[in-house]
Amino acid sequence: MKRTIILGVALLFTALLGFLTLYVIFVNREINVLEIISLLVLGLFGFGILGALASPPDDR
């Protein structure tokens, strides 16, 4: 249960950062290198978090 809550909060935080990044891109009507890097890093975070949510926890 604790694992799911932590992963959910991490996913929400990543989604918020993604929204803010896209907001800056659309408000400025241009894209620069830092915004591309930000989207790549957020994609990696999202991929990792979704992978962690999909895999079952270890039995210890």
PDB file of N, CA and C in Angstrom:
ATOM      1  N   MET A   1       0.822  -1.194   0.000  1.00  0.00           N
ATOM      2  CA  MET A   1       0.000   0.000   0.000  1.00  0.00           C
ATOM      3  C   MET A   1       0.865   1.257   0.000  1.00  0.00           C
ATOM      4  N   LYS A   2       1.885   1.268   0.861  1.00  0.00           N
ATOM      5  CA  LYS A   2       2.763   2.431   0.946  1.00  0.00           C
ATOM      6  C   LYS A   2       3.496   2.649  -0.379  1.00  0.00           C
ATOM      7  N   ARG A   3       3.890   1.532  -1.021  1.00  0.00           N
ATOM      8  CA  ARG A   3       4.603   1.599  -2.295  1.00  0.00           C
ATOM      9  C   ARG A   3       3.733   2.261  -3.369  1.00  0.00           C
ATOM     10  N   THR A   4       2.470   1.893  -3.414  1.00  0.00           N
ATOM     11  CA  THR A   4       1.555   2.443  -4.409  1.00  0.00           C
ATOM     12  C   THR A   4       1.335   3.934  -4.189  1.00  0.00           C
ATOM     13  N   ILE A   5       1.222   4.353  -2.952  1.00  0.00           N
ATOM     14  CA  ILE A   5       1.020   5.775  -2.654  1.00  0.00           C
ATOM     15  C   ILE A   5       2.243   6.583  -3.070  1.00  0.00           C
ATOM     16  N   ILE A   6       3.424   6.088  -2.745  1.00  0.00           N
ATOM     17  CA  ILE A   6       4.652   6.806  -3.098  1.00  0.00           C
ATOM     18  C   ILE A   6       4.807   6.899  -4.611  1.00  0.00           C
ATOM     19  N   LEU A   7       4.535   5.798  -5.315  1.00  0.00           N
ATOM     20  CA  LEU A   7       4.642   5.823  -6.773  1.00  0.00           C
ATOM     21  C   LEU A   7       3.578   6.726  -7.394  1.00  0.00           C
ATOM     22  N   GLY A   8       2.393   6.758  -6.806  1.00  0.00           N
ATOM     23  CA  GLY A   8       1.344   7.649  -7.297  1.00  0.00           C
ATOM     24  C   GLY A   8       1.709   9.114  -7.134  1.00  0.00           C
ATOM     25  N   VAL A   9       2.289   9.455  -5.991  1.00  0.00           N
ATOM     26  CA  VAL A   9       2.730  10.838  -5.758  1.00  0.00           C
ATOM     27  C   VAL A   9       3.847  11.205  -6.733  1.00  0.00           C
ATOM     28  N   ALA A  10       4.771  10.281  -6.973  1.00  0.00           N
ATOM     29  CA  ALA A  10       5.856  10.537  -7.924  1.00  0.00           C
ATOM     30  C   ALA A  10       5.304  10.734  -9.331  1.00  0.00           C
ATOM     31  N   LEU A  11       4.297   9.948  -9.706  1.00  0.00           N
ATOM     32  CA  LEU A  11       3.685  10.092 -11.024  1.00  0.00           C
ATOM     33  C   LEU A  11       2.961  11.430 -11.144  1.00  0.00           C
ATOM     34  N   LEU A  12       2.251  11.840 -10.101  1.00  0.00           N
ATOM     35  CA  LEU A  12       1.573  13.142 -10.122  1.00  0.00           C
ATOM     36  C   LEU A  12       2.576  14.290 -10.208  1.00  0.00           C
ATOM     37  N   PHE A  13       3.679  14.188  -9.471  1.00  0.00           N
ATOM     38  CA  PHE A  13       4.709  15.220  -9.507  1.00  0.00           C
ATOM     39  C   PHE A  13       5.321  15.317 -10.907  1.00  0.00           C
ATOM     40  N   THR A  14       5.580  14.175 -11.531  1.00  0.00           N
ATOM     41  CA  THR A  14       6.135  14.159 -12.882  1.00  0.00           C
ATOM     42  C   THR A  14       5.133  14.738 -13.880  1.00  0.00           C
ATOM     43  N   ALA A  15       3.860  14.411 -13.722  1.00  0.00           N
ATOM     44  CA  ALA A  15       2.829  14.956 -14.605  1.00  0.00           C
ATOM     45  C   ALA A  15       2.716  16.471 -14.440  1.00  0.00           C
ATOM     46  N   LEU A  16       2.824  16.960 -13.213  1.00  0.00           N
ATOM     47  CA  LEU A  16       2.777  18.407 -12.974  1.00  0.00           C
ATOM     48  C   LEU A  16       3.952  19.105 -13.650  1.00  0.00           C
ATOM     49  N   LEU A  17       5.147  18.546 -13.510  1.00  0.00           N
ATOM     50  CA  LEU A  17       6.312  19.142 -14.172  1.00  0.00           C
ATOM     51  C   LEU A  17       6.168  19.098 -15.691  1.00  0.00           C
ATOM     52  N   GLY A  18       5.595  18.026 -16.213  1.00  0.00           N
ATOM     53  CA  GLY A  18       5.344  17.941 -17.651  1.00  0.00           C
ATOM     54  C   GLY A  18       4.355  18.997 -18.111  1.00  0.00           C
ATOM     55  N   PHE A  19       3.284  19.195 -17.340  1.00  0.00           N
ATOM     56  CA  PHE A  19       2.309  20.231 -17.672  1.00  0.00           C
ATOM     57  C   PHE A  19       2.954  21.610 -17.675  1.00  0.00           C
ATOM     58  N   LEU A  20       3.763  21.889 -16.657  1.00  0.00           N
ATOM     59  CA  LEU A  20       4.411  23.203 -16.583  1.00  0.00           C
ATOM     60  C   LEU A  20       5.395  23.409 -17.730  1.00  0.00           C
ATOM     61  N   THR A  21       6.104  22.356 -18.114  1.00  0.00           N
ATOM     62  CA  THR A  21       7.031  22.459 -19.240  1.00  0.00           C
ATOM     63  C   THR A  21       6.271  22.744 -20.530  1.00  0.00           C
ATOM     64  N   LEU A  22       5.191  22.015 -20.766  1.00  0.00           N
ATOM     65  CA  LEU A  22       4.394  22.251 -21.979  1.00  0.00           C
ATOM     66  C   LEU A  22       3.744  23.630 -21.950  1.00  0.00           C
ATOM     67  N   TYR A  23       3.346  24.095 -20.777  1.00  0.00           N
ATOM     68  CA  TYR A  23       2.771  25.435 -20.651  1.00  0.00           C
ATOM     69  C   TYR A  23       3.779  26.499 -21.091  1.00  0.00           C
ATOM     70  N   VAL A  24       5.023  26.360 -20.638  1.00  0.00           N
ATOM     71  CA  VAL A  24       6.065  27.323 -21.011  1.00  0.00           C
ATOM     72  C   VAL A  24       6.309  27.274 -22.516  1.00  0.00           C
ATOM     73  N   ILE A  25       6.317  26.076 -23.083  1.00  0.00           N
ATOM     74  CA  ILE A  25       6.545  25.947 -24.526  1.00  0.00           C
ATOM     75  C   ILE A  25       5.431  26.644 -25.303  1.00  0.00           C
ATOM     76  N   PHE A  26       4.168  26.434 -24.915  1.00  0.00           N
ATOM     77  CA  PHE A  26       3.058  27.012 -25.666  1.00  0.00           C
ATOM     78  C   PHE A  26       2.887  28.503 -25.415  1.00  0.00           C
ATOM     79  N   VAL A  27       3.223  28.987 -24.226  1.00  0.00           N
ATOM     80  CA  VAL A  27       3.113  30.420 -23.953  1.00  0.00           C
ATOM     81  C   VAL A  27       4.183  31.189 -24.720  1.00  0.00           C
ATOM     82  N   ASN A  28       5.411  30.657 -24.737  1.00  0.00           N
ATOM     83  CA  ASN A  28       6.490  31.336 -25.452  1.00  0.00           C
ATOM     84  C   ASN A  28       6.409  31.141 -26.956  1.00  0.00           C
ATOM     85  N   ARG A  29       5.627  30.170 -27.410  1.00  0.00           N
ATOM     86  CA  ARG A  29       5.460  29.834 -28.828  1.00  0.00           C
ATOM     87  C   ARG A  29       6.778  29.512 -29.513  1.00  0.00           C
ATOM     88  N   GLU A  30       7.709  29.011 -28.733  1.00  0.00           N
ATOM     89  CA  GLU A  30       8.981  28.537 -29.279  1.00  0.00           C
ATOM     90  C   GLU A  30       9.541  27.496 -28.319  1.00  0.00           C
ATOM     91  N   ILE A  31      10.481  26.730 -28.807  1.00  0.00           N
ATOM     92  CA  ILE A  31      11.074  25.683 -27.985  1.00  0.00           C
ATOM     93  C   ILE A  31      12.587  25.834 -28.055  1.00  0.00           C
ATOM     94  N   ASN A  32      13.254  25.638 -26.923  1.00  0.00           N
ATOM     95  CA  ASN A  32      14.710  25.728 -26.908  1.00  0.00           C
ATOM     96  C   ASN A  32      15.299  24.422 -26.379  1.00  0.00           C
ATOM     97  N   VAL A  33      16.603  24.386 -26.276  1.00  0.00           N
ATOM     98  CA  VAL A  33      17.308  23.159 -25.911  1.00  0.00           C
ATOM     99  C   VAL A  33      16.943  22.705 -24.496  1.00  0.00           C
ATOM    100  N   LEU A  34      16.825  23.632 -23.559  1.00  0.00           N
ATOM    101  CA  LEU A  34      16.506  23.252 -22.179  1.00  0.00           C
ATOM    102  C   LEU A  34      15.122  22.616 -22.064  1.00  0.00           C
ATOM    103  N   GLU A  35      14.179  23.080 -22.863  1.00  0.00           N
ATOM    104  CA  GLU A  35      12.847  22.488 -22.831  1.00  0.00           C
ATOM    105  C   GLU A  35      12.850  21.088 -23.432  1.00  0.00           C
ATOM    106  N   ILE A  36      13.644  20.866 -24.448  1.00  0.00           N
ATOM    107  CA  ILE A  36      13.776  19.524 -25.026  1.00  0.00           C
ATOM    108  C   ILE A  36      14.398  18.579 -24.007  1.00  0.00           C
ATOM    109  N   ILE A  37      15.447  19.037 -23.327  1.00  0.00           N
ATOM    110  CA  ILE A  37      16.084  18.212 -22.295  1.00  0.00           C
ATOM    111  C   ILE A  37      15.094  17.921 -21.168  1.00  0.00           C
ATOM    112  N   SER A  38      14.308  18.917 -20.781  1.00  0.00           N
ATOM    113  CA  SER A  38      13.311  18.726 -19.732  1.00  0.00           C
ATOM    114  C   SER A  38      12.293  17.662 -20.129  1.00  0.00           C
ATOM    115  N   LEU A  39      11.821  17.700 -21.368  1.00  0.00           N
ATOM    116  CA  LEU A  39      10.862  16.696 -21.828  1.00  0.00           C
ATOM    117  C   LEU A  39      11.481  15.304 -21.866  1.00  0.00           C
ATOM    118  N   LEU A  40      12.742  15.212 -22.252  1.00  0.00           N
ATOM    119  CA  LEU A  40      13.418  13.911 -22.270  1.00  0.00           C
ATOM    120  C   LEU A  40      13.568  13.344 -20.856  1.00  0.00           C
ATOM    121  N   VAL A  41      13.979  14.184 -19.917  1.00  0.00           N
ATOM    122  CA  VAL A  41      14.140  13.733 -18.530  1.00  0.00           C
ATOM    123  C   VAL A  41      12.787  13.325 -17.941  1.00  0.00           C
ATOM    124  N   LEU A  42      11.749  14.110 -18.207  1.00  0.00           N
ATOM    125  CA  LEU A  42      10.424  13.762 -17.703  1.00  0.00           C
ATOM    126  C   LEU A  42       9.916  12.470 -18.332  1.00  0.00           C
ATOM    127  N   GLY A  43      10.247  12.248 -19.599  1.00  0.00           N
ATOM    128  CA  GLY A  43       9.889  10.984 -20.240  1.00  0.00           C
ATOM    129  C   GLY A  43      10.571   9.801 -19.583  1.00  0.00           C
ATOM    130  N   LEU A  44      11.845   9.967 -19.238  1.00  0.00           N
ATOM    131  CA  LEU A  44      12.565   8.898 -18.539  1.00  0.00           C
ATOM    132  C   LEU A  44      11.964   8.641 -17.160  1.00  0.00           C
ATOM    133  N   PHE A  45      11.643   9.711 -16.437  1.00  0.00           N
ATOM    134  CA  PHE A  45      11.005   9.549 -15.127  1.00  0.00           C
ATOM    135  C   PHE A  45       9.675   8.806 -15.268  1.00  0.00           C
ATOM    136  N   GLY A  46       8.855   9.253 -16.205  1.00  0.00           N
ATOM    137  CA  GLY A  46       7.548   8.628 -16.410  1.00  0.00           C
ATOM    138  C   GLY A  46       7.663   7.168 -16.793  1.00  0.00           C
ATOM    139  N   PHE A  47       8.606   6.850 -17.672  1.00  0.00           N
ATOM    140  CA  PHE A  47       8.822   5.465 -18.089  1.00  0.00           C
ATOM    141  C   PHE A  47       9.222   4.605 -16.897  1.00  0.00           C
ATOM    142  N   GLY A  48      10.111   5.115 -16.062  1.00  0.00           N
ATOM    143  CA  GLY A  48      10.546   4.369 -14.882  1.00  0.00           C
ATOM    144  C   GLY A  48       9.446   4.196 -13.859  1.00  0.00           C
ATOM    145  N   ILE A  49       8.666   5.247 -13.634  1.00  0.00           N
ATOM    146  CA  ILE A  49       7.589   5.172 -12.646  1.00  0.00           C
ATOM    147  C   ILE A  49       6.498   4.215 -13.114  1.00  0.00           C
ATOM    148  N   LEU A  50       6.125   4.294 -14.391  1.00  0.00           N
ATOM    149  CA  LEU A  50       5.111   3.372 -14.899  1.00  0.00           C
ATOM    150  C   LEU A  50       5.619   1.936 -14.879  1.00  0.00           C
ATOM    151  N   GLY A  51       6.903   1.739 -15.143  1.00  0.00           N
ATOM    152  CA  GLY A  51       7.482   0.401 -15.045  1.00  0.00           C
ATOM    153  C   GLY A  51       7.449  -0.126 -13.624  1.00  0.00           C
ATOM    154  N   ALA A  52       7.708   0.746 -12.665  1.00  0.00           N
ATOM    155  CA  ALA A  52       7.658   0.337 -11.256  1.00  0.00           C
ATOM    156  C   ALA A  52       6.230   0.024 -10.823  1.00  0.00           C
ATOM    157  N   LEU A  53       5.266   0.762 -11.348  1.00  0.00           N
ATOM    158  CA  LEU A  53       3.875   0.483 -11.014  1.00  0.00           C
ATOM    159  C   LEU A  53       3.411  -0.840 -11.617  1.00  0.00           C
ATOM    160  N   ALA A  54       3.938  -1.186 -12.789  1.00  0.00           N
ATOM    161  CA  ALA A  54       3.508  -2.404 -13.477  1.00  0.00           C
ATOM    162  C   ALA A  54       4.122  -3.665 -12.882  1.00  0.00           C
ATOM    163  N   SER A  55       5.288  -3.547 -12.266  1.00  0.00           N
ATOM    164  CA  SER A  55       5.938  -4.745 -11.721  1.00  0.00           C
ATOM    165  C   SER A  55       5.504  -4.966 -10.274  1.00  0.00           C
ATOM    166  N   PRO A  56       5.292  -6.213  -9.906  1.00  0.00           N
ATOM    167  CA  PRO A  56       4.868  -6.495  -8.527  1.00  0.00           C
ATOM    168  C   PRO A  56       6.021  -6.288  -7.549  1.00  0.00           C
ATOM    169  N   PRO A  57       5.708  -5.997  -6.292  1.00  0.00           N
ATOM    170  CA  PRO A  57       6.777  -5.816  -5.294  1.00  0.00           C
ATOM    171  C   PRO A  57       7.467  -7.141  -4.983  1.00  0.00           C
ATOM    172  N   ASP A  58       8.704  -7.049  -4.533  1.00  0.00           N
ATOM    173  CA  ASP A  58       9.464  -8.238  -4.154  1.00  0.00           C
ATOM    174  C   ASP A  58       8.890  -8.841  -2.876  1.00  0.00           C
ATOM    175  N   ASP A  59       8.876 -10.163  -2.822  1.00  0.00           N
ATOM    176  CA  ASP A  59       8.455 -10.860  -1.596  1.00  0.00           C
ATOM    177  C   ASP A  59       9.670 -11.115  -0.733  1.00  0.00           C
ATOM    178  N   ARG A  60       9.720 -10.472   0.408  1.00  0.00           N
ATOM    179  CA  ARG A  60      10.870 -10.643   1.308  1.00  0.00           C
ATOM    180  C   ARG A  60      10.397 -11.079   2.649  1.00  0.00           C
TER     181      ARG A  60
END
